[in-house]
Amino acid sequence: MLKRFILTLVLLLTLSACADPDVLPALPSAFPSATPIILTVFPTWTSTPTLPATSTPSLTLEPTSTSEPTLSPTPSETATPEVTATPVKLRGEVLELANCRYGPGAPYLYKYGLVKGNRLEVIGRREDGKWLYVQAIGGNNPCWVKASLMQVDGDVMSLEVYYPEKAPLPKSPYYPPTTILSASRNGSLVEVSWLDVPLRAGDEEDENMLHYIVEVWRCEGGQLIFEPLATNDLSITFVDDPGCDQPSHGRVFVQEKHGFAGPAEIPWP
């Protein structure tokens, strides 16, 4: 439409320049006939609107579970418990009237008497099995009796060794231990001497009690044997042969009716 309008206008202007001015009406003064009008026609561009880019939403995959996997614990090694042997206890019968003592030998203090025919528990022994640690059945006041005075139902050597660790001597509350003065050797003979610890009158068990107990673990025939010795003197001599795998040793107690003072260890020669 615009193009046609422009062509019509150009044609009219041309005719007006050539026609009789009396036939066609005069054009307005704003358009002088001598000056042609040049119209520049600009093409009209129809632009296609640009749509803003639409971003495609990204898909984020989330784990269906947020909990961490649970690992089964590795089984640990279970220590095998040690088997503790049950201490052997035997039963025995007293064969005749017997003295039961605080220590495993005749020199030790008297504790109480045992009547013939009594049934007792036998719970321990001296190393050589010659003295037994006994008590009333179900009782708790044990003492030492000579093995030859008991008829035991079983092997006494299957019992635990109770002296000295498991059945120590009762301590004297009134006297100090003695002091060892010397320990000398002459071949297989060992002599030990010590200081006197005099007793007050009345502190002897009886007139036959020996004041000093000398315990020795000495070598004899290639074996270490235990022997309790006793004396009222201030020295003692005994045999200790060579040839044992274990070292010989010994100690001295002061004995009085309330208990035992010491021990004083012998510096073995």
Foldseek 3Di string as FASTA:
>chain_A
DVVVVVVVVVVVLVCVLPDDCVVDPDDDPVDDNVDDDDDDDDDDDDDDDDDDDDDDDDDDDDDPDDDDDDDDDDDDDDDDDDDDDDFDKWKKFFQAKWFFFLDADDQGHTDDIDHGGAIWIFAAAAQVRQKTWIDHVVDDDITITGPVRIDIDDDRNSGYHCPPPNRNWDADPPWAEWEWDDWDDDAQKIKTFIDDTDDDPPFAPDPPHFFKWKWKQADDPQHTDIDIDGHNDGMDMDGHHDRYPDDIWIWMWGDTNRITHDTHTHPHD
